[in-house]
Every structure is written in C-alpha cells, then in structure tokens.
Amino acid sequence: MGNNQRQGQTPGMPCPQCGQFIPTTVTELLVSSSLCCPHCGLRLSIDRAKSMKAMQALAKVEAAQRRVEKTSKFNGRY
C-alpha cells in the first residue's frame, strides 16, 4: 500500500524530515505535547501557545466527530 492510500484512510501528516506518513488523530493532537515519526524517530513538539487557533479548530472538529458518531449510533438502532 502506498503512502497516498494510507493518507486517505488514516488521519495524519507527512514527516518533515523523512517524508513518511505519521499517523495521528485529532484527539492525540489535542492531548499530546509531541508526535514522533515511527520511521525516522523525529519528535515534533506541539507549541500550544503558538498553535492556539489551530487547537481551537481541532477541538471543534473533535466535538463534531463525536456528535456524528453519537447520531450514527442512535440512527442505527431503528
């Protein structure tokens, strides 16, 4: 499976050092202080102060995802 196929199925980003895919989730980005590339070991620190607007947007995305999941489970019971 190529890099582009994985990126379409799993959330994440390319590593700025080696270019390989770093899988992550919105929740992980919100709660972690850093991400680590599983291929080259590069550790990416998350500066919450400088990323405040992005963190707020991610929190809204996460809340929307939870609402969709809750709604789909509810609708699936009928």
PDB file of N, CA and C in Angstrom:
ATOM      1  N   MET A   1       0.852  -1.175   0.000  1.00  0.00           N
ATOM      2  CA  MET A   1       0.000   0.000   0.000  1.00  0.00           C
ATOM      3  C   MET A   1       0.895   1.234   0.000  1.00  0.00           C
ATOM      4  N   GLY A   2       0.632   2.167  -0.882  1.00  0.00           N
ATOM      5  CA  GLY A   2       1.454   3.361  -0.994  1.00  0.00           C
ATOM      6  C   GLY A   2       1.095   4.406   0.038  1.00  0.00           C
ATOM      7  N   ASN A   3       1.934   5.405   0.129  1.00  0.00           N
ATOM      8  CA  ASN A   3       1.752   6.488   1.080  1.00  0.00           C
ATOM      9  C   ASN A   3       0.423   7.207   0.879  1.00  0.00           C
ATOM     10  N   ASN A   4       0.044   7.487  -0.373  1.00  0.00           N
ATOM     11  CA  ASN A   4      -1.200   8.205  -0.638  1.00  0.00           C
ATOM     12  C   ASN A   4      -2.421   7.402  -0.219  1.00  0.00           C
ATOM     13  N   GLN A   5      -2.393   6.087  -0.369  1.00  0.00           N
ATOM     14  CA  GLN A   5      -3.525   5.269   0.043  1.00  0.00           C
ATOM     15  C   GLN A   5      -3.689   5.321   1.560  1.00  0.00           C
ATOM     16  N   ARG A   6      -2.603   5.210   2.302  1.00  0.00           N
ATOM     17  CA  ARG A   6      -2.675   5.271   3.761  1.00  0.00           C
ATOM     18  C   ARG A   6      -3.217   6.615   4.200  1.00  0.00           C
ATOM     19  N   GLN A   7      -2.761   7.689   3.570  1.00  0.00           N
ATOM     20  CA  GLN A   7      -3.196   9.019   3.965  1.00  0.00           C
ATOM     21  C   GLN A   7      -4.693   9.200   3.755  1.00  0.00           C
ATOM     22  N   GLY A   8      -5.272   8.558   2.751  1.00  0.00           N
ATOM     23  CA  GLY A   8      -6.699   8.666   2.509  1.00  0.00           C
ATOM     24  C   GLY A   8      -7.527   7.923   3.538  1.00  0.00           C
ATOM     25  N   GLN A   9      -6.951   6.954   4.220  1.00  0.00           N
ATOM     26  CA  GLN A   9      -7.691   6.126   5.168  1.00  0.00           C
ATOM     27  C   GLN A   9      -7.398   6.481   6.628  1.00  0.00           C
ATOM     28  N   THR A  10      -6.209   6.946   6.904  1.00  0.00           N
ATOM     29  CA  THR A  10      -5.784   7.214   8.268  1.00  0.00           C
ATOM     30  C   THR A  10      -5.408   8.679   8.409  1.00  0.00           C
ATOM     31  N   PRO A  11      -5.921   9.360   9.438  1.00  0.00           N
ATOM     32  CA  PRO A  11      -5.519  10.750   9.623  1.00  0.00           C
ATOM     33  C   PRO A  11      -4.045  10.835  10.024  1.00  0.00           C
ATOM     34  N   GLY A  12      -3.401  11.883   9.606  1.00  0.00           N
ATOM     35  CA  GLY A  12      -2.003  12.071   9.940  1.00  0.00           C
ATOM     36  C   GLY A  12      -1.371  13.109   9.043  1.00  0.00           C
ATOM     37  N   MET A  13      -0.044  13.052   8.963  1.00  0.00           N
ATOM     38  CA  MET A  13       0.693  14.031   8.178  1.00  0.00           C
ATOM     39  C   MET A  13       2.024  13.469   7.744  1.00  0.00           C
ATOM     40  N   PRO A  14       2.626  14.055   6.702  1.00  0.00           N
ATOM     41  CA  PRO A  14       3.953  13.596   6.304  1.00  0.00           C
ATOM     42  C   PRO A  14       5.014  14.144   7.255  1.00  0.00           C
ATOM     43  N   CYS A  15       6.029  13.364   7.510  1.00  0.00           N
ATOM     44  CA  CYS A  15       7.137  13.786   8.357  1.00  0.00           C
ATOM     45  C   CYS A  15       7.957  14.835   7.612  1.00  0.00           C
ATOM     46  N   PRO A  16       8.262  15.965   8.250  1.00  0.00           N
ATOM     47  CA  PRO A  16       9.060  16.986   7.572  1.00  0.00           C
ATOM     48  C   PRO A  16      10.513  16.567   7.349  1.00  0.00           C
ATOM     49  N   GLN A  17      10.963  15.537   8.040  1.00  0.00           N
ATOM     50  CA  GLN A  17      12.353  15.092   7.887  1.00  0.00           C
ATOM     51  C   GLN A  17      12.495  13.996   6.838  1.00  0.00           C
ATOM     52  N   CYS A  18      11.715  12.916   6.954  1.00  0.00           N
ATOM     53  CA  CYS A  18      11.895  11.774   6.048  1.00  0.00           C
ATOM     54  C   CYS A  18      10.794  11.661   4.999  1.00  0.00           C
ATOM     55  N   GLY A  19       9.688  12.402   5.175  1.00  0.00           N
ATOM     56  CA  GLY A  19       8.602  12.374   4.203  1.00  0.00           C
ATOM     57  C   GLY A  19       7.626  11.228   4.382  1.00  0.00           C
ATOM     58  N   GLN A  20       7.902  10.304   5.285  1.00  0.00           N
ATOM     59  CA  GLN A  20       6.990   9.185   5.528  1.00  0.00           C
ATOM     60  C   GLN A  20       5.777   9.670   6.319  1.00  0.00           C
ATOM     61  N   PHE A  21       4.732   8.863   6.335  1.00  0.00           N
ATOM     62  CA  PHE A  21       3.459   9.232   6.954  1.00  0.00           C
ATOM     63  C   PHE A  21       3.489   9.017   8.465  1.00  0.00           C
ATOM     64  N   ILE A  22       3.063  10.037   9.210  1.00  0.00           N
ATOM     65  CA  ILE A  22       2.931   9.943  10.667  1.00  0.00           C
ATOM     66  C   ILE A  22       1.441   9.866  10.976  1.00  0.00           C
ATOM     67  N   PRO A  23       0.946   8.681  11.346  1.00  0.00           N
ATOM     68  CA  PRO A  23      -0.477   8.584  11.689  1.00  0.00           C
ATOM     69  C   PRO A  23      -0.750   9.268  13.028  1.00  0.00           C
ATOM     70  N   THR A  24      -1.873   9.947  13.121  1.00  0.00           N
ATOM     71  CA  THR A  24      -2.276  10.586  14.370  1.00  0.00           C
ATOM     72  C   THR A  24      -3.785  10.789  14.342  1.00  0.00           C
ATOM     73  N   THR A  25      -4.328  11.256  15.419  1.00  0.00           N
ATOM     74  CA  THR A  25      -5.758  11.549  15.497  1.00  0.00           C
ATOM     75  C   THR A  25      -5.935  12.967  16.014  1.00  0.00           C
ATOM     76  N   VAL A  26      -7.122  13.505  15.847  1.00  0.00           N
ATOM     77  CA  VAL A  26      -7.418  14.831  16.380  1.00  0.00           C
ATOM     78  C   VAL A  26      -7.243  14.813  17.894  1.00  0.00           C
ATOM     79  N   THR A  27      -7.736  13.770  18.534  1.00  0.00           N
ATOM     80  CA  THR A  27      -7.612  13.658  19.995  1.00  0.00           C
ATOM     81  C   THR A  27      -6.154  13.655  20.415  1.00  0.00           C
ATOM     82  N   GLU A  28      -5.322  12.888  19.706  1.00  0.00           N
ATOM     83  CA  GLU A  28      -3.896  12.830  20.041  1.00  0.00           C
ATOM     84  C   GLU A  28      -3.250  14.212  19.908  1.00  0.00           C
ATOM     85  N   LEU A  29      -3.608  14.945  18.864  1.00  0.00           N
ATOM     86  CA  LEU A  29      -3.061  16.289  18.687  1.00  0.00           C
ATOM     87  C   LEU A  29      -3.483  17.218  19.818  1.00  0.00           C
ATOM     88  N   LEU A  30      -4.696  17.032  20.316  1.00  0.00           N
ATOM     89  CA  LEU A  30      -5.201  17.893  21.382  1.00  0.00           C
ATOM     90  C   LEU A  30      -4.580  17.589  22.744  1.00  0.00           C
ATOM     91  N   VAL A  31      -4.245  16.329  22.994  1.00  0.00           N
ATOM     92  CA  VAL A  31      -3.770  15.963  24.338  1.00  0.00           C
ATOM     93  C   VAL A  31      -2.265  15.737  24.436  1.00  0.00           C
ATOM     94  N   SER A  32      -1.593  15.511  23.326  1.00  0.00           N
ATOM     95  CA  SER A  32      -0.164  15.215  23.362  1.00  0.00           C
ATOM     96  C   SER A  32       0.665  16.492  23.306  1.00  0.00           C
ATOM     97  N   SER A  33       1.849  16.415  23.846  1.00  0.00           N
ATOM     98  CA  SER A  33       2.765  17.549  23.759  1.00  0.00           C
ATOM     99  C   SER A  33       3.707  17.400  22.572  1.00  0.00           C
ATOM    100  N   SER A  34       3.712  16.190  21.969  1.00  0.00           N
ATOM    101  CA  SER A  34       4.564  15.972  20.802  1.00  0.00           C
ATOM    102  C   SER A  34       4.091  14.753  20.025  1.00  0.00           C
ATOM    103  N   LEU A  35       4.575  14.655  18.790  1.00  0.00           N
ATOM    104  CA  LEU A  35       4.343  13.491  17.932  1.00  0.00           C
ATOM    105  C   LEU A  35       5.710  12.937  17.554  1.00  0.00           C
ATOM    106  N   CYS A  36       5.768  11.638  17.321  1.00  0.00           N
ATOM    107  CA  CYS A  36       7.031  11.022  16.940  1.00  0.00           C
ATOM    108  C   CYS A  36       6.837  10.256  15.632  1.00  0.00           C
ATOM    109  N   CYS A  37       7.747  10.482  14.677  1.00  0.00           N
ATOM    110  CA  CYS A  37       7.685   9.759  13.412  1.00  0.00           C
ATOM    111  C   CYS A  37       8.088   8.313  13.662  1.00  0.00           C
ATOM    112  N   PRO A  38       7.236   7.361  13.291  1.00  0.00           N
ATOM    113  CA  PRO A  38       7.565   5.953  13.513  1.00  0.00           C
ATOM    114  C   PRO A  38       8.657   5.442  12.574  1.00  0.00           C
ATOM    115  N   HIS A  39       9.016   6.238  11.570  1.00  0.00           N
ATOM    116  CA  HIS A  39      10.012   5.802  10.591  1.00  0.00           C
ATOM    117  C   HIS A  39      11.417   6.290  10.922  1.00  0.00           C
ATOM    118  N   CYS A  40      11.563   7.579  11.226  1.00  0.00           N
ATOM    119  CA  CYS A  40      12.906   8.128  11.467  1.00  0.00           C
ATOM    120  C   CYS A  40      13.119   8.568  12.912  1.00  0.00           C
ATOM    121  N   GLY A  41      12.049   8.578  13.721  1.00  0.00           N
ATOM    122  CA  GLY A  41      12.175   8.932  15.127  1.00  0.00           C
ATOM    123  C   GLY A  41      12.135  10.419  15.417  1.00  0.00           C
ATOM    124  N   LEU A  42      11.924  11.256  14.402  1.00  0.00           N
ATOM    125  CA  LEU A  42      11.854  12.699  14.632  1.00  0.00           C
ATOM    126  C   LEU A  42      10.722  13.000  15.609  1.00  0.00           C
ATOM    127  N   ARG A  43      11.002  13.793  16.628  1.00  0.00           N
ATOM    128  CA  ARG A  43       9.976  14.198  17.590  1.00  0.00           C
ATOM    129  C   ARG A  43       9.562  15.626  17.261  1.00  0.00           C
ATOM    130  N   LEU A  44       8.264  15.796  17.030  1.00  0.00           N
ATOM    131  CA  LEU A  44       7.697  17.107  16.722  1.00  0.00           C
ATOM    132  C   LEU A  44       6.978  17.628  17.961  1.00  0.00           C
ATOM    133  N   SER A  45       7.472  18.727  18.507  1.00  0.00           N
ATOM    134  CA  SER A  45       6.847  19.330  19.682  1.00  0.00           C
ATOM    135  C   SER A  45       5.646  20.156  19.245  1.00  0.00           C
ATOM    136  N   ILE A  46       4.604  20.139  20.058  1.00  0.00           N
ATOM    137  CA  ILE A  46       3.404  20.923  19.786  1.00  0.00           C
ATOM    138  C   ILE A  46       3.411  22.117  20.721  1.00  0.00           C
ATOM    139  N   ASP A  47       3.600  23.301  20.167  1.00  0.00           N
ATOM    140  CA  ASP A  47       3.617  24.540  20.947  1.00  0.00           C
ATOM    141  C   ASP A  47       2.188  25.053  21.032  1.00  0.00           C
ATOM    142  N   ARG A  48       1.537  24.796  22.142  1.00  0.00           N
ATOM    143  CA  ARG A  48       0.122  25.131  22.303  1.00  0.00           C
ATOM    144  C   ARG A  48      -0.130  26.641  22.234  1.00  0.00           C
ATOM    145  N   ALA A  49       0.791  27.439  22.761  1.00  0.00           N
ATOM    146  CA  ALA A  49       0.603  28.893  22.739  1.00  0.00           C
ATOM    147  C   ALA A  49       0.613  29.415  21.308  1.00  0.00           C
ATOM    148  N   LYS A  50       1.563  28.965  20.515  1.00  0.00           N
ATOM    149  CA  LYS A  50       1.654  29.420  19.125  1.00  0.00           C
ATOM    150  C   LYS A  50       0.584  28.774  18.249  1.00  0.00           C
ATOM    151  N   SER A  51       0.023  27.670  18.697  1.00  0.00           N
ATOM    152  CA  SER A  51      -0.961  26.920  17.909  1.00  0.00           C
ATOM    153  C   SER A  51      -2.380  27.072  18.451  1.00  0.00           C
ATOM    154  N   MET A  52      -2.630  28.113  19.219  1.00  0.00           N
ATOM    155  CA  MET A  52      -3.921  28.265  19.895  1.00  0.00           C
ATOM    156  C   MET A  52      -5.100  28.220  18.917  1.00  0.00           C
ATOM    157  N   LYS A  53      -5.027  28.946  17.805  1.00  0.00           N
ATOM    158  CA  LYS A  53      -6.145  28.950  16.850  1.00  0.00           C
ATOM    159  C   LYS A  53      -6.343  27.560  16.251  1.00  0.00           C
ATOM    160  N   ALA A  54      -5.258  26.894  15.924  1.00  0.00           N
ATOM    161  CA  ALA A  54      -5.353  25.540  15.363  1.00  0.00           C
ATOM    162  C   ALA A  54      -5.939  24.583  16.396  1.00  0.00           C
ATOM    163  N   MET A  55      -5.526  24.709  17.650  1.00  0.00           N
ATOM    164  CA  MET A  55      -6.040  23.837  18.718  1.00  0.00           C
ATOM    165  C   MET A  55      -7.537  24.058  18.913  1.00  0.00           C
ATOM    166  N   GLN A  56      -7.974  25.295  18.850  1.00  0.00           N
ATOM    167  CA  GLN A  56      -9.401  25.591  18.984  1.00  0.00           C
ATOM    168  C   GLN A  56     -10.188  24.985  17.820  1.00  0.00           C
ATOM    169  N   ALA A  57      -9.627  25.081  16.616  1.00  0.00           N
ATOM    170  CA  ALA A  57     -10.292  24.491  15.448  1.00  0.00           C
ATOM    171  C   ALA A  57     -10.350  22.969  15.578  1.00  0.00           C
ATOM    172  N   LEU A  58      -9.254  22.358  16.045  1.00  0.00           N
ATOM    173  CA  LEU A  58      -9.238  20.904  16.234  1.00  0.00           C
ATOM    174  C   LEU A  58     -10.252  20.472  17.290  1.00  0.00           C
ATOM    175  N   ALA A  59     -10.397  21.257  18.336  1.00  0.00           N
ATOM    176  CA  ALA A  59     -11.383  20.929  19.375  1.00  0.00           C
ATOM    177  C   ALA A  59     -12.795  20.942  18.789  1.00  0.00           C
ATOM    178  N   LYS A  60     -13.067  21.887  17.881  1.00  0.00           N
ATOM    179  CA  LYS A  60     -14.383  21.934  17.230  1.00  0.00           C
ATOM    180  C   LYS A  60     -14.580  20.723  16.322  1.00  0.00           C
ATOM    181  N   VAL A  61     -13.524  20.329  15.614  1.00  0.00           N
ATOM    182  CA  VAL A  61     -13.594  19.142  14.751  1.00  0.00           C
ATOM    183  C   VAL A  61     -13.873  17.902  15.590  1.00  0.00           C
ATOM    184  N   GLU A  62     -13.173  17.772  16.718  1.00  0.00           N
ATOM    185  CA  GLU A  62     -13.368  16.608  17.578  1.00  0.00           C
ATOM    186  C   GLU A  62     -14.802  16.561  18.113  1.00  0.00           C
ATOM    187  N   ALA A  63     -15.326  17.703  18.524  1.00  0.00           N
ATOM    188  CA  ALA A  63     -16.707  17.749  19.033  1.00  0.00           C
ATOM    189  C   ALA A  63     -17.691  17.361  17.928  1.00  0.00           C
ATOM    190  N   ALA A  64     -17.453  17.829  16.719  1.00  0.00           N
ATOM    191  CA  ALA A  64     -18.329  17.476  15.598  1.00  0.00           C
ATOM    192  C   ALA A  64     -18.252  15.981  15.303  1.00  0.00           C
ATOM    193  N   GLN A  65     -17.049  15.410  15.363  1.00  0.00           N
ATOM    194  CA  GLN A  65     -16.898  13.967  15.145  1.00  0.00           C
ATOM    195  C   GLN A  65     -17.688  13.184  16.179  1.00  0.00           C
ATOM    196  N   ARG A  66     -17.619  13.620  17.439  1.00  0.00           N
ATOM    197  CA  ARG A  66     -18.367  12.927  18.498  1.00  0.00           C
ATOM    198  C   ARG A  66     -19.868  13.011  18.249  1.00  0.00           C
ATOM    199  N   ARG A  67     -20.353  14.175  17.798  1.00  0.00           N
ATOM    200  CA  ARG A  67     -21.791  14.326  17.515  1.00  0.00           C
ATOM    201  C   ARG A  67     -22.210  13.401  16.381  1.00  0.00           C
ATOM    202  N   VAL A  68     -21.378  13.308  15.339  1.00  0.00           N
ATOM    203  CA  VAL A  68     -21.703  12.428  14.210  1.00  0.00           C
ATOM    204  C   VAL A  68     -21.740  10.981  14.672  1.00  0.00           C
ATOM    205  N   GLU A  69     -20.742  10.569  15.463  1.00  0.00           N
ATOM    206  CA  GLU A  69     -20.711   9.182  15.960  1.00  0.00           C
ATOM    207  C   GLU A  69     -21.931   8.889  16.824  1.00  0.00           C
ATOM    208  N   LYS A  70     -22.283   9.817  17.682  1.00  0.00           N
ATOM    209  CA  LYS A  70     -23.437   9.621  18.557  1.00  0.00           C
ATOM    210  C   LYS A  70     -24.721   9.523  17.735  1.00  0.00           C
ATOM    211  N   THR A  71     -24.862  10.387  16.734  1.00  0.00           N
ATOM    212  CA  THR A  71     -26.040  10.375  15.874  1.00  0.00           C
ATOM    213  C   THR A  71     -26.105   9.075  15.071  1.00  0.00           C
ATOM    214  N   SER A  72     -24.972   8.625  14.534  1.00  0.00           N
ATOM    215  CA  SER A  72     -24.991   7.387  13.733  1.00  0.00           C
ATOM    216  C   SER A  72     -25.369   6.194  14.596  1.00  0.00           C
ATOM    217  N   LYS A  73     -24.894   6.146  15.814  1.00  0.00           N
ATOM    218  CA  LYS A  73     -25.247   5.037  16.705  1.00  0.00           C
ATOM    219  C   LYS A  73     -26.736   5.080  17.011  1.00  0.00           C
ATOM    220  N   PHE A  74     -27.261   6.288  17.249  1.00  0.00           N
ATOM    221  CA  PHE A  74     -28.675   6.444  17.559  1.00  0.00           C
ATOM    222  C   PHE A  74     -29.528   6.018  16.358  1.00  0.00           C
ATOM    223  N   ASN A  75     -29.159   6.475  15.171  1.00  0.00           N
ATOM    224  CA  ASN A  75     -29.928   6.149  13.961  1.00  0.00           C
ATOM    225  C   ASN A  75     -29.801   4.666  13.616  1.00  0.00           C
ATOM    226  N   GLY A  76     -28.728   4.028  13.987  1.00  0.00           N
ATOM    227  CA  GLY A  76     -28.523   2.619  13.681  1.00  0.00           C
ATOM    228  C   GLY A  76     -29.427   1.690  14.479  1.00  0.00           C
ATOM    229  N   ARG A  77     -30.068   2.198  15.517  1.00  0.00           N
ATOM    230  CA  ARG A  77     -30.925   1.360  16.367  1.00  0.00           C
ATOM    231  C   ARG A  77     -32.299   1.123  15.751  1.00  0.00           C
ATOM    232  N   TYR A  78     -32.672   1.897  14.749  1.00  0.00           N
ATOM    233  CA  TYR A  78     -34.006   1.731  14.166  1.00  0.00           C
ATOM    234  C   TYR A  78     -34.042   0.626  13.203  1.00  0.00           C
TER     235      TYR A  78
END
